[in-house]
Each structure stands twice: as C-alpha cells, then as structure tokens.
Amino acid sequence: SEVAPLIENIRAAGVTALRAIADELNRRSVKTQRGGSW
C-alpha cells in the first residue's frame, strides 16, 4: 500500500514495463520490503 503510489507515479510518467519500473525505483534508492533491489 505504501509503495503503490510511487509505482503509479512512475507509470503516470509513461514508464509501464515492469523492468523499467524496477529500474526507476532502484534509481530513486527505494528498497524492497527486505531491503534489496527491485
């Protein structure tokens, strides 16, 4: 629920591929629930 708004924000900017979304989250230094990379 917390990370969903970030993903939606990225998708709204035109980034829709799962791999591309993961790359953008990593670029923003957002960690997964276990503290790893997306």
Full PDB file with SEQRES, HELIX, SHEET, SSBOND, CRYST1, ORIGX, SCALE, CONECT and MASTER records, all heavy atoms in Angstrom:
SEQRES   1 A   38  SER GLU VAL ALA PRO LEU ILE GLU ASN ILE ARG ALA ALA          
SEQRES   2 A   38  GLY VAL THR ALA LEU ARG ALA ILE ALA ASP GLU LEU ASN          
SEQRES   3 A   38  ARG ARG SER VAL LYS THR GLN ARG GLY GLY SER TRP              
HELIX    1 AA1 ALA A    4  ALA A   12  1                                   9    
HELIX    2 AA2 LEU A   18  ARG A   27  1                                  10    
CRYST1    1.000    1.000    1.000  90.00  90.00  90.00 P 1           1          
ORIGX1      1.000000  0.000000  0.000000        0.00000                         
ORIGX2      0.000000  1.000000  0.000000        0.00000                         
ORIGX3      0.000000  0.000000  1.000000        0.00000                         
SCALE1      1.000000  0.000000  0.000000        0.00000                         
SCALE2      0.000000  1.000000  0.000000        0.00000                         
SCALE3      0.000000  0.000000  1.000000        0.00000                         
ATOM      1  N   SER A   1       0.825  -1.212   0.000  1.00  0.00           N  
ATOM      2  CA  SER A   1       0.000   0.000   0.000  1.00  0.00           C  
ATOM      3  C   SER A   1       0.858   1.261   0.000  1.00  0.00           C  
ATOM      4  O   SER A   1       0.499   2.270  -0.611  1.00  0.00           O  
ATOM      5  CB  SER A   1      -0.927   0.011   1.220  1.00  0.00           C  
ATOM      6  OG  SER A   1      -1.835  -1.075   1.165  1.00  0.00           O  
ATOM      7  N   GLU A   2       2.001   1.203   0.676  1.00  0.00           N  
ATOM      8  CA  GLU A   2       2.870   2.368   0.758  1.00  0.00           C  
ATOM      9  C   GLU A   2       3.624   2.617  -0.542  1.00  0.00           C  
ATOM     10  O   GLU A   2       3.795   3.759  -0.963  1.00  0.00           O  
ATOM     11  CB  GLU A   2       3.876   2.191   1.904  1.00  0.00           C  
ATOM     12  CG  GLU A   2       3.269   2.201   3.286  1.00  0.00           C  
ATOM     13  CD  GLU A   2       2.717   3.566   3.667  1.00  0.00           C  
ATOM     14  OE1 GLU A   2       2.974   4.536   2.939  1.00  0.00           O  
ATOM     15  OE2 GLU A   2       2.018   3.651   4.693  1.00  0.00           O  
ATOM     16  N   VAL A   3       4.102   1.535  -1.166  1.00  0.00           N  
ATOM     17  CA  VAL A   3       4.926   1.713  -2.362  1.00  0.00           C  
ATOM     18  C   VAL A   3       4.084   1.861  -3.626  1.00  0.00           C  
ATOM     19  O   VAL A   3       4.567   2.367  -4.646  1.00  0.00           O  
ATOM     20  CB  VAL A   3       5.913   0.528  -2.504  1.00  0.00           C  
ATOM     21  CG1 VAL A   3       5.221  -0.710  -3.088  1.00  0.00           C  
ATOM     22  CG2 VAL A   3       7.116   0.916  -3.354  1.00  0.00           C  
ATOM     23  N   ALA A   4       2.819   1.466  -3.568  1.00  0.00           N  
ATOM     24  CA  ALA A   4       1.945   1.548  -4.741  1.00  0.00           C  
ATOM     25  C   ALA A   4       1.851   2.961  -5.315  1.00  0.00           C  
ATOM     26  O   ALA A   4       1.916   3.134  -6.537  1.00  0.00           O  
ATOM     27  CB  ALA A   4       0.552   1.005  -4.412  1.00  0.00           C  
ATOM     28  N   PRO A   5       1.697   4.017  -4.463  1.00  0.00           N  
ATOM     29  CA  PRO A   5       1.634   5.367  -5.041  1.00  0.00           C  
ATOM     30  C   PRO A   5       2.890   5.746  -5.817  1.00  0.00           C  
ATOM     31  O   PRO A   5       2.814   6.465  -6.817  1.00  0.00           O  
ATOM     32  CB  PRO A   5       1.457   6.258  -3.799  1.00  0.00           C  
ATOM     33  CG  PRO A   5       0.813   5.366  -2.797  1.00  0.00           C  
ATOM     34  CD  PRO A   5       1.426   4.025  -3.023  1.00  0.00           C  
ATOM     35  N   LEU A   6       4.052   5.248  -5.369  1.00  0.00           N  
ATOM     36  CA  LEU A   6       5.292   5.531  -6.091  1.00  0.00           C  
ATOM     37  C   LEU A   6       5.277   4.871  -7.465  1.00  0.00           C  
ATOM     38  O   LEU A   6       5.673   5.469  -8.468  1.00  0.00           O  
ATOM     39  CB  LEU A   6       6.489   5.036  -5.287  1.00  0.00           C  
ATOM     40  CG  LEU A   6       6.765   5.733  -3.953  1.00  0.00           C  
ATOM     41  CD1 LEU A   6       7.955   5.089  -3.268  1.00  0.00           C  
ATOM     42  CD2 LEU A   6       6.997   7.213  -4.155  1.00  0.00           C  
ATOM     43  N   ILE A   7       4.814   3.626  -7.498  1.00  0.00           N  
ATOM     44  CA  ILE A   7       4.747   2.901  -8.763  1.00  0.00           C  
ATOM     45  C   ILE A   7       3.755   3.567  -9.706  1.00  0.00           C  
ATOM     46  O   ILE A   7       4.015   3.721 -10.907  1.00  0.00           O  
ATOM     47  CB  ILE A   7       4.361   1.422  -8.514  1.00  0.00           C  
ATOM     48  CG1 ILE A   7       5.483   0.715  -7.738  1.00  0.00           C  
ATOM     49  CG2 ILE A   7       4.083   0.701  -9.833  1.00  0.00           C  
ATOM     50  CD1 ILE A   7       5.179  -0.730  -7.401  1.00  0.00           C  
ATOM     51  N   GLU A   8       2.606   3.986  -9.162  1.00  0.00           N  
ATOM     52  CA  GLU A   8       1.611   4.659 -10.001  1.00  0.00           C  
ATOM     53  C   GLU A   8       2.145   5.975 -10.538  1.00  0.00           C  
ATOM     54  O   GLU A   8       1.854   6.360 -11.678  1.00  0.00           O  
ATOM     55  CB  GLU A   8       0.327   4.897  -9.198  1.00  0.00           C  
ATOM     56  CG  GLU A   8      -0.449   3.623  -8.901  1.00  0.00           C  
ATOM     57  CD  GLU A   8      -0.766   2.837 -10.177  1.00  0.00           C  
ATOM     58  OE1 GLU A   8      -1.195   3.466 -11.163  1.00  0.00           O  
ATOM     59  OE2 GLU A   8      -0.563   1.615 -10.181  1.00  0.00           O  
ATOM     60  N   ASN A   9       2.932   6.670  -9.739  1.00  0.00           N  
ATOM     61  CA  ASN A   9       3.541   7.918 -10.178  1.00  0.00           C  
ATOM     62  C   ASN A   9       4.500   7.676 -11.336  1.00  0.00           C  
ATOM     63  O   ASN A   9       4.539   8.435 -12.297  1.00  0.00           O  
ATOM     64  CB  ASN A   9       4.285   8.566  -9.001  1.00  0.00           C  
ATOM     65  CG  ASN A   9       4.968   9.858  -9.397  1.00  0.00           C  
ATOM     66  OD1 ASN A   9       6.156   9.848  -9.734  1.00  0.00           O  
ATOM     67  ND2 ASN A   9       4.254  10.958  -9.345  1.00  0.00           N  
ATOM     68  N   ILE A  10       5.254   6.592 -11.242  1.00  0.00           N  
ATOM     69  CA  ILE A  10       6.189   6.236 -12.311  1.00  0.00           C  
ATOM     70  C   ILE A  10       5.432   5.853 -13.580  1.00  0.00           C  
ATOM     71  O   ILE A  10       5.788   6.269 -14.690  1.00  0.00           O  
ATOM     72  CB  ILE A  10       7.099   5.079 -11.850  1.00  0.00           C  
ATOM     73  CG1 ILE A  10       8.027   5.554 -10.725  1.00  0.00           C  
ATOM     74  CG2 ILE A  10       7.924   4.527 -13.018  1.00  0.00           C  
ATOM     75  CD1 ILE A  10       8.811   4.444 -10.059  1.00  0.00           C  
ATOM     76  N   ARG A  11       4.351   5.082 -13.422  1.00  0.00           N  
ATOM     77  CA  ARG A  11       3.549   4.667 -14.577  1.00  0.00           C  
ATOM     78  C   ARG A  11       2.872   5.865 -15.236  1.00  0.00           C  
ATOM     79  O   ARG A  11       2.754   5.932 -16.465  1.00  0.00           O  
ATOM     80  CB  ARG A  11       2.512   3.629 -14.147  1.00  0.00           C  
ATOM     81  CG  ARG A  11       3.136   2.321 -13.672  1.00  0.00           C  
ATOM     82  CD  ARG A  11       2.125   1.401 -13.037  1.00  0.00           C  
ATOM     83  NE  ARG A  11       1.283   0.732 -13.998  1.00  0.00           N  
ATOM     84  CZ  ARG A  11       0.347  -0.160 -13.681  1.00  0.00           C  
ATOM     85  NH1 ARG A  11       0.146  -0.460 -12.416  1.00  0.00           N  
ATOM     86  NH2 ARG A  11      -0.377  -0.732 -14.601  1.00  0.00           N  
ATOM     87  N   ALA A  12       2.446   6.817 -14.413  1.00  0.00           N  
ATOM     88  CA  ALA A  12       1.798   8.009 -14.956  1.00  0.00           C  
ATOM     89  C   ALA A  12       2.757   8.830 -15.809  1.00  0.00           C  
ATOM     90  O   ALA A  12       2.337   9.578 -16.702  1.00  0.00           O  
ATOM     91  CB  ALA A  12       1.257   8.866 -13.813  1.00  0.00           C  
ATOM     92  N   ALA A  13       4.056   8.678 -15.547  1.00  0.00           N  
ATOM     93  CA  ALA A  13       5.069   9.398 -16.320  1.00  0.00           C  
ATOM     94  C   ALA A  13       5.400   8.688 -17.632  1.00  0.00           C  
ATOM     95  O   ALA A  13       6.253   9.148 -18.393  1.00  0.00           O  
ATOM     96  CB  ALA A  13       6.333   9.578 -15.494  1.00  0.00           C  
ATOM     97  N   GLY A  14       4.709   7.569 -17.885  1.00  0.00           N  
ATOM     98  CA  GLY A  14       4.915   6.858 -19.146  1.00  0.00           C  
ATOM     99  C   GLY A  14       5.783   5.622 -19.058  1.00  0.00           C  
ATOM    100  O   GLY A  14       6.023   4.942 -20.053  1.00  0.00           O  
ATOM    101  N   VAL A  15       6.263   5.306 -17.855  1.00  0.00           N  
ATOM    102  CA  VAL A  15       7.093   4.115 -17.663  1.00  0.00           C  
ATOM    103  C   VAL A  15       6.173   2.980 -17.218  1.00  0.00           C  
ATOM    104  O   VAL A  15       5.701   2.965 -16.083  1.00  0.00           O  
ATOM    105  CB  VAL A  15       8.189   4.367 -16.612  1.00  0.00           C  
ATOM    106  CG1 VAL A  15       9.047   3.118 -16.430  1.00  0.00           C  
ATOM    107  CG2 VAL A  15       9.047   5.555 -17.007  1.00  0.00           C  
ATOM    108  N   THR A  16       5.923   2.031 -18.100  1.00  0.00           N  
ATOM    109  CA  THR A  16       4.921   0.999 -17.798  1.00  0.00           C  
ATOM    110  C   THR A  16       5.482  -0.414 -17.740  1.00  0.00           C  
ATOM    111  O   THR A  16       4.878  -1.291 -17.125  1.00  0.00           O  
ATOM    112  CB  THR A  16       3.797   1.030 -18.849  1.00  0.00           C  
ATOM    113  OG1 THR A  16       4.367   0.858 -20.153  1.00  0.00           O  
ATOM    114  CG2 THR A  16       3.053   2.367 -18.805  1.00  0.00           C  
ATOM    115  N   ALA A  17       6.625  -0.663 -18.381  1.00  0.00           N  
ATOM    116  CA  ALA A  17       7.210  -2.004 -18.353  1.00  0.00           C  
ATOM    117  C   ALA A  17       7.708  -2.325 -16.949  1.00  0.00           C  
ATOM    118  O   ALA A  17       8.281  -1.471 -16.267  1.00  0.00           O  
ATOM    119  CB  ALA A  17       8.356  -2.110 -19.359  1.00  0.00           C  
ATOM    120  N   LEU A  18       7.488  -3.554 -16.498  1.00  0.00           N  
ATOM    121  CA  LEU A  18       7.880  -3.943 -15.145  1.00  0.00           C  
ATOM    122  C   LEU A  18       9.369  -3.731 -14.896  1.00  0.00           C  
ATOM    123  O   LEU A  18       9.779  -3.234 -13.847  1.00  0.00           O  
ATOM    124  CB  LEU A  18       7.507  -5.412 -14.893  1.00  0.00           C  
ATOM    125  CG  LEU A  18       6.010  -5.743 -14.889  1.00  0.00           C  
ATOM    126  CD1 LEU A  18       5.804  -7.237 -14.714  1.00  0.00           C  
ATOM    127  CD2 LEU A  18       5.290  -4.971 -13.787  1.00  0.00           C  
ATOM    128  N   ARG A  19      10.182  -4.106 -15.869  1.00  0.00           N  
ATOM    129  CA  ARG A  19      11.628  -3.950 -15.729  1.00  0.00           C  
ATOM    130  C   ARG A  19      12.002  -2.472 -15.617  1.00  0.00           C  
ATOM    131  O   ARG A  19      12.836  -2.080 -14.799  1.00  0.00           O  
ATOM    132  CB  ARG A  19      12.329  -4.577 -16.936  1.00  0.00           C  
ATOM    133  CG  ARG A  19      13.844  -4.394 -17.015  1.00  0.00           C  
ATOM    134  CD  ARG A  19      14.568  -5.169 -15.953  1.00  0.00           C  
ATOM    135  NE  ARG A  19      14.903  -4.358 -14.798  1.00  0.00           N  
ATOM    136  CZ  ARG A  19      15.524  -4.787 -13.726  1.00  0.00           C  
ATOM    137  NH1 ARG A  19      15.839  -6.053 -13.625  1.00  0.00           N  
ATOM    138  NH2 ARG A  19      15.815  -3.984 -12.738  1.00  0.00           N  
ATOM    139  N   ALA A  20      11.369  -1.639 -16.413  1.00  0.00           N  
ATOM    140  CA  ALA A  20      11.650  -0.206 -16.391  1.00  0.00           C  
ATOM    141  C   ALA A  20      11.204   0.423 -15.073  1.00  0.00           C  
ATOM    142  O   ALA A  20      11.876   1.309 -14.529  1.00  0.00           O  
ATOM    143  CB  ALA A  20      10.973   0.480 -17.563  1.00  0.00           C  
ATOM    144  N   ILE A  21      10.057  -0.039 -14.550  1.00  0.00           N  
ATOM    145  CA  ILE A  21       9.582   0.469 -13.257  1.00  0.00           C  
ATOM    146  C   ILE A  21      10.577   0.089 -12.161  1.00  0.00           C  
ATOM    147  O   ILE A  21      10.913   0.902 -11.285  1.00  0.00           O  
ATOM    148  CB  ILE A  21       8.187  -0.090 -12.935  1.00  0.00           C  
ATOM    149  CG1 ILE A  21       7.154   0.456 -13.921  1.00  0.00           C  
ATOM    150  CG2 ILE A  21       7.785   0.254 -11.499  1.00  0.00           C  
ATOM    151  CD1 ILE A  21       5.779  -0.167 -13.779  1.00  0.00           C  
ATOM    152  N   ALA A  22      11.060  -1.153 -12.210  1.00  0.00           N  
ATOM    153  CA  ALA A  22      12.043  -1.610 -11.228  1.00  0.00           C  
ATOM    154  C   ALA A  22      13.310  -0.759 -11.295  1.00  0.00           C  
ATOM    155  O   ALA A  22      13.862  -0.357 -10.264  1.00  0.00           O  
ATOM    156  CB  ALA A  22      12.382  -3.080 -11.469  1.00  0.00           C  
ATOM    157  N   ASP A  23      13.765  -0.471 -12.506  1.00  0.00           N  
ATOM    158  CA  ASP A  23      14.972   0.353 -12.676  1.00  0.00           C  
ATOM    159  C   ASP A  23      14.772   1.744 -12.076  1.00  0.00           C  
ATOM    160  O   ASP A  23      15.685   2.301 -11.459  1.00  0.00           O  
ATOM    161  CB  ASP A  23      15.330   0.471 -14.159  1.00  0.00           C  
ATOM    162  CG  ASP A  23      15.845  -0.836 -14.741  1.00  0.00           C  
ATOM    163  OD1 ASP A  23      16.254  -1.712 -13.955  1.00  0.00           O  
ATOM    164  OD2 ASP A  23      15.833  -0.975 -15.980  1.00  0.00           O  
ATOM    165  N   GLU A  24      13.575   2.307 -12.268  1.00  0.00           N  
ATOM    166  CA  GLU A  24      13.301   3.646 -11.751  1.00  0.00           C  
ATOM    167  C   GLU A  24      13.244   3.642 -10.223  1.00  0.00           C  
ATOM    168  O   GLU A  24      13.738   4.569  -9.572  1.00  0.00           O  
ATOM    169  CB  GLU A  24      11.986   4.174 -12.326  1.00  0.00           C  
ATOM    170  CG  GLU A  24      11.593   5.562 -11.849  1.00  0.00           C  
ATOM    171  CD  GLU A  24      12.589   6.642 -12.202  1.00  0.00           C  
ATOM    172  OE1 GLU A  24      13.424   6.417 -13.117  1.00  0.00           O  
ATOM    173  OE2 GLU A  24      12.558   7.714 -11.568  1.00  0.00           O  
ATOM    174  N   LEU A  25      12.649   2.613  -9.635  1.00  0.00           N  
ATOM    175  CA  LEU A  25      12.616   2.504  -8.177  1.00  0.00           C  
ATOM    176  C   LEU A  25      14.033   2.397  -7.615  1.00  0.00           C  
ATOM    177  O   LEU A  25      14.360   3.021  -6.596  1.00  0.00           O  
ATOM    178  CB  LEU A  25      11.782   1.293  -7.754  1.00  0.00           C  
ATOM    179  CG  LEU A  25      10.268   1.416  -7.941  1.00  0.00           C  
ATOM    180  CD1 LEU A  25       9.594   0.066  -7.738  1.00  0.00           C  
ATOM    181  CD2 LEU A  25       9.685   2.447  -6.982  1.00  0.00           C  
ATOM    182  N   ASN A  26      14.873   1.614  -8.289  1.00  0.00           N  
ATOM    183  CA  ASN A  26      16.267   1.481  -7.857  1.00  0.00           C  
ATOM    184  C   ASN A  26      17.005   2.811  -8.002  1.00  0.00           C  
ATOM    185  O   ASN A  26      17.826   3.177  -7.158  1.00  0.00           O  
ATOM    186  CB  ASN A  26      16.977   0.397  -8.668  1.00  0.00           C  
ATOM    187  CG  ASN A  26      16.458  -0.997  -8.345  1.00  0.00           C  
ATOM    188  OD1 ASN A  26      16.047  -1.267  -7.221  1.00  0.00           O  
ATOM    189  ND2 ASN A  26      16.463  -1.873  -9.330  1.00  0.00           N  
ATOM    190  N   ARG A  27      16.693   3.541  -9.073  1.00  0.00           N  
ATOM    191  CA  ARG A  27      17.348   4.835  -9.296  1.00  0.00           C  
ATOM    192  C   ARG A  27      16.986   5.817  -8.185  1.00  0.00           C  
ATOM    193  O   ARG A  27      17.809   6.656  -7.788  1.00  0.00           O  
ATOM    194  CB  ARG A  27      16.935   5.416 -10.650  1.00  0.00           C  
ATOM    195  CG  ARG A  27      17.717   6.668 -11.063  1.00  0.00           C  
ATOM    196  CD  ARG A  27      17.127   7.304 -12.305  1.00  0.00           C  
ATOM    197  NE  ARG A  27      15.821   7.899 -12.058  1.00  0.00           N  
ATOM    198  CZ  ARG A  27      15.654   9.085 -11.453  1.00  0.00           C  
ATOM    199  NH1 ARG A  27      16.707   9.786 -11.050  1.00  0.00           N  
ATOM    200  NH2 ARG A  27      14.454   9.581 -11.260  1.00  0.00           N  
ATOM    201  N   ARG A  28      15.763   5.689  -7.672  1.00  0.00           N  
ATOM    202  CA  ARG A  28      15.307   6.572  -6.595  1.00  0.00           C  
ATOM    203  C   ARG A  28      15.749   6.091  -5.222  1.00  0.00           C  
ATOM    204  O   ARG A  28      15.378   6.653  -4.199  1.00  0.00           O  
ATOM    205  CB  ARG A  28      13.783   6.690  -6.615  1.00  0.00           C  
ATOM    206  CG  ARG A  28      13.219   7.323  -7.876  1.00  0.00           C  
ATOM    207  CD  ARG A  28      11.725   7.566  -7.729  1.00  0.00           C  
ATOM    208  NE  ARG A  28      11.113   8.033  -8.964  1.00  0.00           N  
ATOM    209  CZ  ARG A  28       9.855   8.451  -9.054  1.00  0.00           C  
ATOM    210  NH1 ARG A  28       9.081   8.451  -7.984  1.00  0.00           N  
ATOM    211  NH2 ARG A  28       9.362   8.855 -10.225  1.00  0.00           N  
ATOM    212  N   SER A  29      16.516   5.016  -5.186  1.00  0.00           N  
ATOM    213  CA  SER A  29      17.035   4.442  -3.937  1.00  0.00           C  
ATOM    214  C   SER A  29      15.933   3.887  -3.044  1.00  0.00           C  
ATOM    215  O   SER A  29      16.080   3.816  -1.820  1.00  0.00           O  
ATOM    216  CB  SER A  29      17.851   5.485  -3.154  1.00  0.00           C  
ATOM    217  OG  SER A  29      18.961   5.912  -3.900  1.00  0.00           O  
ATOM    218  N   VAL A  30      14.811   3.494  -3.648  1.00  0.00           N  
ATOM    219  CA  VAL A  30      13.731   2.848  -2.904  1.00  0.00           C  
ATOM    220  C   VAL A  30      14.077   1.372  -2.746  1.00  0.00           C  
ATOM    221  O   VAL A  30      14.438   0.709  -3.720  1.00  0.00           O  
ATOM    222  CB  VAL A  30      12.384   2.992  -3.636  1.00  0.00           C  
ATOM    223  CG1 VAL A  30      11.292   2.240  -2.901  1.00  0.00           C  
ATOM    224  CG2 VAL A  30      12.019   4.456  -3.786  1.00  0.00           C  
ATOM    225  N   LYS A  31      13.996   0.857  -1.537  1.00  0.00           N  
ATOM    226  CA  LYS A  31      14.314  -0.536  -1.269  1.00  0.00           C  
ATOM    227  C   LYS A  31      13.049  -1.395  -1.233  1.00  0.00           C  
ATOM    228  O   LYS A  31      11.963  -0.898  -0.970  1.00  0.00           O  
ATOM    229  CB  LYS A  31      15.057  -0.671   0.069  1.00  0.00           C  
ATOM    230  CG  LYS A  31      16.388   0.076   0.114  1.00  0.00           C  
ATOM    231  CD  LYS A  31      17.363  -0.459  -0.915  1.00  0.00           C  
ATOM    232  CE  LYS A  31      18.705   0.237  -0.827  1.00  0.00           C  
ATOM    233  NZ  LYS A  31      19.651  -0.252  -1.853  1.00  0.00           N  
ATOM    234  N   THR A  32      13.216  -2.668  -1.503  1.00  0.00           N  
ATOM    235  CA  THR A  32      12.102  -3.599  -1.373  1.00  0.00           C  
ATOM    236  C   THR A  32      11.811  -3.817   0.105  1.00  0.00           C  
ATOM    237  O   THR A  32      12.531  -3.311   0.976  1.00  0.00           O  
ATOM    238  CB  THR A  32      12.430  -4.953  -2.028  1.00  0.00           C  
ATOM    239  OG1 THR A  32      13.541  -5.548  -1.319  1.00  0.00           O  
ATOM    240  CG2 THR A  32      12.812  -4.777  -3.490  1.00  0.00           C  
ATOM    241  N   GLN A  33      10.793  -4.582   0.399  1.00  0.00           N  
ATOM    242  CA  GLN A  33      10.431  -4.824   1.791  1.00  0.00           C  
ATOM    243  C   GLN A  33      11.585  -5.447   2.572  1.00  0.00           C  
ATOM    244  O   GLN A  33      11.767  -5.167   3.756  1.00  0.00           O  
ATOM    245  CB  GLN A  33       9.204  -5.724   1.870  1.00  0.00           C  
ATOM    246  CG  GLN A  33       8.694  -5.937   3.292  1.00  0.00           C  
ATOM    247  CD  GLN A  33       7.493  -6.851   3.351  1.00  0.00           C  
ATOM    248  OE1 GLN A  33       7.051  -7.373   2.339  1.00  0.00           O  
ATOM    249  NE2 GLN A  33       6.942  -7.043   4.532  1.00  0.00           N  
ATOM    250  N   ARG A  34      12.383  -6.275   1.921  1.00  0.00           N  
ATOM    251  CA  ARG A  34      13.515  -6.921   2.578  1.00  0.00           C  
ATOM    252  C   ARG A  34      14.812  -6.124   2.448  1.00  0.00           C  
ATOM    253  O   ARG A  34      15.876  -6.611   2.807  1.00  0.00           O  
ATOM    254  CB  ARG A  34      13.708  -8.328   2.012  1.00  0.00           C  
ATOM    255  CG  ARG A  34      12.519  -9.256   2.298  1.00  0.00           C  
ATOM    256  CD  ARG A  34      12.791 -10.652   1.798  1.00  0.00           C  
ATOM    257  NE  ARG A  34      11.682 -11.547   2.101  1.00  0.00           N  
ATOM    258  CZ  ARG A  34      11.651 -12.840   1.798  1.00  0.00           C  
ATOM    259  NH1 ARG A  34      12.688 -13.387   1.173  1.00  0.00           N  
ATOM    260  NH2 ARG A  34      10.614 -13.582   2.108  1.00  0.00           N  
ATOM    261  N   GLY A  35      14.697  -4.913   1.920  1.00  0.00           N  
ATOM    262  CA  GLY A  35      15.874  -4.064   1.835  1.00  0.00           C  
ATOM    263  C   GLY A  35      16.752  -4.295   0.620  1.00  0.00           C  
ATOM    264  O   GLY A  35      17.892  -3.823   0.582  1.00  0.00           O  
ATOM    265  N   GLY A  36      16.242  -5.012  -0.380  1.00  0.00           N  
ATOM    266  CA  GLY A  36      17.032  -5.307  -1.569  1.00  0.00           C  
ATOM    267  C   GLY A  36      16.667  -4.433  -2.758  1.00  0.00           C  
ATOM    268  O   GLY A  36      15.972  -3.423  -2.625  1.00  0.00           O  
ATOM    269  N   SER A  37      17.168  -4.833  -3.932  1.00  0.00           N  
ATOM    270  CA  SER A  37      16.896  -4.101  -5.165  1.00  0.00           C  
ATOM    271  C   SER A  37      15.638  -4.648  -5.840  1.00  0.00           C  
ATOM    272  O   SER A  37      15.234  -5.793  -5.607  1.00  0.00           O  
ATOM    273  CB  SER A  37      18.089  -4.235  -6.128  1.00  0.00           C  
ATOM    274  OG  SER A  37      19.253  -3.671  -5.554  1.00  0.00           O  
ATOM    275  N   TRP A  38      15.046  -3.816  -6.677  1.00  0.00           N  
ATOM    276  CA  TRP A  38      13.824  -4.194  -7.380  1.00  0.00           C  
ATOM    277  C   TRP A  38      14.117  -4.920  -8.677  1.00  0.00           C  
ATOM    278  O   TRP A  38      15.108  -4.642  -9.351  1.00  0.00           O  
ATOM    279  CB  TRP A  38      12.994  -2.947  -7.681  1.00  0.00           C  
ATOM    280  CG  TRP A  38      12.398  -2.325  -6.469  1.00  0.00           C  
ATOM    281  CD1 TRP A  38      12.979  -1.396  -5.664  1.00  0.00           C  
ATOM    282  CD2 TRP A  38      11.116  -2.599  -5.902  1.00  0.00           C  
ATOM    283  NE1 TRP A  38      12.142  -1.071  -4.627  1.00  0.00           N  
ATOM    284  CE2 TRP A  38      10.986  -1.773  -4.751  1.00  0.00           C  
ATOM    285  CE3 TRP A  38      10.066  -3.433  -6.256  1.00  0.00           C  
ATOM    286  CZ2 TRP A  38       9.847  -1.791  -3.957  1.00  0.00           C  
ATOM    287  CZ3 TRP A  38       8.931  -3.444  -5.464  1.00  0.00           C  
ATOM    288  CH2 TRP A  38       8.824  -2.640  -4.334  1.00  0.00           C  
TER     289      TRP A  38                                                      
MASTER        0    0    0    2    0    0    0    6  288    1    0    3          
END                                                                             
